[in-house]
N, C-alpha and C. Protein backbone atom coordinates (compact mmCIF):
# COMPACT_ATOMS: atom_id res chain seq x y z
N MET A 1 -9.14 -28.62 -70.97
CA MET A 1 -10.12 -27.54 -70.78
C MET A 1 -9.95 -26.72 -69.42
N ALA A 2 -9.99 -27.74 -68.31
CA ALA A 2 -10.08 -27.03 -66.87
C ALA A 2 -8.73 -26.48 -66.71
N SER A 3 -7.62 -27.24 -67.06
CA SER A 3 -6.37 -26.61 -66.69
C SER A 3 -6.09 -24.99 -67.21
N VAL A 4 -6.92 -24.82 -68.28
CA VAL A 4 -6.75 -23.65 -68.99
C VAL A 4 -7.52 -22.38 -68.14
N ARG A 5 -8.76 -22.88 -67.64
CA ARG A 5 -9.51 -21.94 -66.82
C ARG A 5 -9.02 -21.81 -65.54
N MET A 6 -8.53 -22.82 -65.04
CA MET A 6 -8.04 -22.77 -63.38
C MET A 6 -6.79 -23.48 -63.36
N PRO A 7 -5.66 -22.92 -63.65
CA PRO A 7 -4.39 -23.32 -63.73
C PRO A 7 -3.75 -23.46 -62.38
N GLU A 8 -4.23 -23.06 -61.44
CA GLU A 8 -3.75 -23.30 -59.98
C GLU A 8 -4.01 -24.70 -59.54
N TYR A 9 -4.91 -25.46 -60.20
CA TYR A 9 -5.28 -26.84 -59.73
C TYR A 9 -4.27 -27.81 -60.63
N ILE A 10 -4.25 -28.97 -60.23
CA ILE A 10 -3.86 -30.20 -61.19
C ILE A 10 -5.09 -30.87 -61.53
N TRP A 11 -5.18 -30.93 -62.80
CA TRP A 11 -6.31 -31.70 -63.28
C TRP A 11 -5.88 -33.03 -63.83
N LEU A 12 -6.54 -34.14 -63.72
CA LEU A 12 -6.43 -35.39 -64.30
C LEU A 12 -7.65 -35.84 -64.85
N ALA A 13 -7.74 -36.56 -65.92
CA ALA A 13 -8.94 -37.12 -66.54
C ALA A 13 -9.02 -38.57 -66.31
N ALA A 14 -9.89 -39.20 -65.80
CA ALA A 14 -9.97 -40.58 -65.65
C ALA A 14 -10.25 -41.25 -67.05
N GLY A 15 -10.67 -40.69 -68.10
CA GLY A 15 -10.75 -41.28 -69.26
C GLY A 15 -12.03 -41.90 -69.66
N SER A 16 -12.96 -42.22 -68.72
CA SER A 16 -14.29 -42.51 -69.07
C SER A 16 -15.05 -42.75 -67.69
N ILE A 17 -16.20 -42.93 -67.46
CA ILE A 17 -17.01 -43.05 -66.39
C ILE A 17 -16.42 -44.20 -65.63
N ASN A 18 -16.17 -45.12 -66.17
CA ASN A 18 -15.91 -46.58 -65.67
C ASN A 18 -14.46 -46.73 -65.43
N ASN A 19 -13.60 -45.67 -65.83
CA ASN A 19 -12.09 -45.81 -65.68
C ASN A 19 -11.59 -45.28 -64.15
N LEU A 20 -12.59 -44.81 -63.27
CA LEU A 20 -11.95 -44.45 -61.94
C LEU A 20 -11.95 -45.69 -61.18
N ASN A 21 -10.84 -46.00 -60.63
CA ASN A 21 -10.66 -47.28 -59.70
C ASN A 21 -9.68 -47.10 -58.66
N PRO A 22 -9.73 -47.66 -57.67
CA PRO A 22 -8.59 -47.63 -56.45
C PRO A 22 -7.30 -47.76 -56.98
N GLN A 23 -7.00 -48.61 -57.98
CA GLN A 23 -5.55 -48.94 -58.42
C GLN A 23 -5.04 -47.86 -59.12
N LYS A 24 -5.69 -47.11 -59.75
CA LYS A 24 -5.14 -45.87 -60.56
C LYS A 24 -5.06 -44.59 -59.81
N CYS A 25 -5.87 -44.82 -58.48
CA CYS A 25 -5.60 -43.63 -57.84
C CYS A 25 -4.79 -43.52 -56.78
N LYS A 26 -3.96 -44.88 -56.48
CA LYS A 26 -3.14 -44.76 -55.58
C LYS A 26 -1.94 -43.60 -55.76
N VAL A 27 -1.64 -43.15 -56.78
CA VAL A 27 -0.80 -41.99 -56.84
C VAL A 27 -1.25 -40.69 -56.17
N LEU A 28 -2.46 -40.72 -55.91
CA LEU A 28 -3.18 -39.48 -55.18
C LEU A 28 -3.18 -39.54 -53.86
N GLN A 29 -2.59 -40.67 -53.15
CA GLN A 29 -2.67 -40.76 -51.84
C GLN A 29 -1.81 -39.59 -51.23
N GLY A 30 -2.53 -38.90 -50.11
CA GLY A 30 -1.84 -37.75 -49.55
C GLY A 30 -2.17 -36.40 -50.13
N ARG A 31 -3.04 -36.50 -51.06
CA ARG A 31 -3.23 -35.22 -51.58
C ARG A 31 -4.96 -34.99 -51.32
N ARG A 32 -5.35 -33.73 -51.34
CA ARG A 32 -6.64 -33.39 -51.38
C ARG A 32 -7.27 -33.52 -52.63
N VAL A 33 -8.20 -34.33 -52.89
CA VAL A 33 -8.63 -34.60 -54.14
C VAL A 33 -10.14 -34.43 -54.38
N THR A 34 -10.70 -33.74 -55.44
CA THR A 34 -12.07 -33.60 -55.62
C THR A 34 -12.49 -34.16 -56.97
N LEU A 35 -13.31 -35.15 -56.90
CA LEU A 35 -13.75 -35.67 -58.30
C LEU A 35 -14.86 -35.07 -58.75
N PHE A 36 -14.83 -34.89 -60.15
CA PHE A 36 -15.87 -34.34 -60.88
C PHE A 36 -16.39 -35.27 -61.91
N PRO A 37 -17.34 -36.22 -61.34
CA PRO A 37 -17.85 -37.31 -62.43
C PRO A 37 -18.79 -36.61 -63.48
N ASP A 38 -18.73 -37.43 -64.58
CA ASP A 38 -19.64 -37.10 -65.47
C ASP A 38 -21.11 -37.17 -65.16
N ALA A 39 -21.96 -36.51 -65.93
CA ALA A 39 -23.30 -36.45 -65.50
C ALA A 39 -23.93 -37.88 -65.50
N GLY A 40 -24.61 -38.20 -64.22
CA GLY A 40 -25.15 -39.57 -64.22
C GLY A 40 -24.14 -40.71 -63.54
N ALA A 41 -23.02 -40.07 -63.34
CA ALA A 41 -21.89 -41.00 -62.70
C ALA A 41 -21.76 -40.74 -61.15
N TYR A 42 -22.46 -39.80 -60.65
CA TYR A 42 -22.05 -39.46 -59.08
C TYR A 42 -22.14 -40.46 -58.20
N ASP A 43 -23.41 -41.30 -58.39
CA ASP A 43 -23.28 -42.51 -57.22
C ASP A 43 -22.38 -43.41 -57.41
N LYS A 44 -21.90 -43.70 -58.60
CA LYS A 44 -20.86 -44.69 -58.85
C LYS A 44 -19.57 -44.22 -58.33
N TRP A 45 -19.24 -42.84 -58.60
CA TRP A 45 -18.02 -42.41 -58.13
C TRP A 45 -17.94 -42.19 -56.70
N VAL A 46 -18.94 -42.09 -56.01
CA VAL A 46 -19.13 -41.76 -54.52
C VAL A 46 -18.65 -43.18 -53.74
N ALA A 47 -19.14 -44.16 -54.60
CA ALA A 47 -18.88 -45.70 -54.09
C ALA A 47 -17.42 -45.94 -54.28
N VAL A 48 -16.82 -45.53 -55.43
CA VAL A 48 -15.28 -45.72 -55.69
C VAL A 48 -14.52 -45.01 -54.61
N SER A 49 -15.01 -43.76 -54.49
CA SER A 49 -14.11 -42.84 -53.49
C SER A 49 -14.17 -43.41 -52.13
N ARG A 50 -14.90 -44.17 -51.69
CA ARG A 50 -14.93 -44.88 -50.35
C ARG A 50 -13.55 -45.59 -50.31
N HIS A 51 -13.09 -46.19 -51.52
CA HIS A 51 -11.95 -47.16 -51.59
C HIS A 51 -10.89 -46.22 -51.69
N ILE A 52 -10.98 -44.97 -52.25
CA ILE A 52 -9.81 -44.26 -52.43
C ILE A 52 -9.22 -43.50 -51.28
N GLY A 53 -10.26 -43.08 -50.39
CA GLY A 53 -9.83 -42.31 -49.22
C GLY A 53 -9.86 -40.73 -49.60
N HIS A 54 -9.42 -39.97 -48.75
CA HIS A 54 -9.45 -38.29 -48.67
C HIS A 54 -9.87 -37.83 -49.97
N CYS A 55 -11.16 -37.99 -50.49
CA CYS A 55 -11.55 -37.38 -51.74
C CYS A 55 -13.10 -36.83 -51.41
N ASN A 56 -13.20 -35.87 -52.01
CA ASN A 56 -14.52 -35.22 -52.21
C ASN A 56 -15.15 -35.53 -53.59
N VAL A 57 -16.48 -35.70 -53.62
CA VAL A 57 -17.07 -35.97 -54.89
C VAL A 57 -18.10 -34.91 -55.11
N SER A 58 -17.59 -34.08 -56.38
CA SER A 58 -18.61 -32.95 -56.50
C SER A 58 -19.85 -33.07 -57.14
N ARG A 59 -20.96 -32.73 -56.78
CA ARG A 59 -22.40 -32.80 -57.32
C ARG A 59 -22.65 -31.70 -58.38
N LEU A 60 -21.61 -30.92 -58.75
CA LEU A 60 -21.80 -29.67 -59.78
C LEU A 60 -22.77 -30.22 -60.85
N LEU A 61 -22.62 -30.99 -61.66
CA LEU A 61 -23.24 -31.26 -62.86
C LEU A 61 -24.58 -31.82 -62.48
N GLU A 62 -24.74 -32.70 -61.37
CA GLU A 62 -26.19 -33.06 -61.13
C GLU A 62 -26.94 -31.76 -60.60
N ASP A 63 -26.39 -30.94 -59.77
CA ASP A 63 -26.90 -29.74 -59.23
C ASP A 63 -27.41 -28.73 -60.41
N LYS A 64 -26.60 -28.81 -61.42
CA LYS A 64 -26.88 -27.90 -62.58
C LYS A 64 -27.80 -28.54 -63.62
N HIS A 65 -28.27 -29.76 -63.36
CA HIS A 65 -29.41 -30.45 -64.04
C HIS A 65 -28.96 -30.98 -65.31
N PHE A 66 -27.50 -31.30 -65.36
CA PHE A 66 -27.17 -31.89 -66.45
C PHE A 66 -27.66 -33.44 -66.43
N SER A 67 -27.95 -34.12 -67.62
CA SER A 67 -28.30 -35.51 -67.54
C SER A 67 -27.30 -36.32 -68.03
N SER A 68 -27.37 -37.59 -67.87
CA SER A 68 -26.56 -38.60 -68.45
C SER A 68 -26.65 -38.82 -69.87
N GLU A 69 -27.96 -38.29 -70.53
CA GLU A 69 -28.12 -38.59 -71.72
C GLU A 69 -27.18 -37.35 -72.52
N ASP A 70 -26.84 -36.31 -71.83
CA ASP A 70 -26.10 -34.97 -72.43
C ASP A 70 -24.79 -35.63 -72.61
N GLY A 71 -24.31 -36.49 -71.88
CA GLY A 71 -22.92 -36.94 -71.86
C GLY A 71 -22.07 -35.80 -71.46
N ALA A 72 -22.57 -35.03 -70.62
CA ALA A 72 -21.67 -33.77 -70.06
C ALA A 72 -20.66 -34.23 -69.08
N ASP A 73 -19.66 -33.34 -69.23
CA ASP A 73 -18.46 -33.59 -68.17
C ASP A 73 -18.18 -32.36 -67.70
N ILE A 74 -17.25 -32.15 -66.86
CA ILE A 74 -16.71 -30.70 -66.33
C ILE A 74 -16.35 -29.67 -67.44
N ALA A 75 -15.80 -30.16 -68.55
CA ALA A 75 -15.42 -29.34 -69.70
C ALA A 75 -16.59 -28.60 -70.24
N ASP A 76 -17.89 -29.41 -70.39
CA ASP A 76 -19.15 -28.92 -70.89
C ASP A 76 -19.73 -27.76 -69.77
N TYR A 77 -19.32 -27.98 -68.78
CA TYR A 77 -20.00 -26.85 -67.64
C TYR A 77 -18.96 -25.69 -67.87
N LEU A 78 -17.64 -25.80 -67.88
CA LEU A 78 -16.68 -24.74 -68.01
C LEU A 78 -16.82 -23.89 -69.27
């Protein structure tokens, strides 16, 4: 969904809220990365991001007041 709306960026899906981990993110070393966690996963992904290095974690869904009960992700916002 995001690739269609913003093809100038490379979009990768983690697969689930719990699937983001430092081992899987090794291939992202040396890149500027912005993580877009599902609603309700911001704090968890901030903690994981500290182990990944050079990445920002977007507060987009929290700031737009999506809740974890919505099961919302970036595609829902777009």
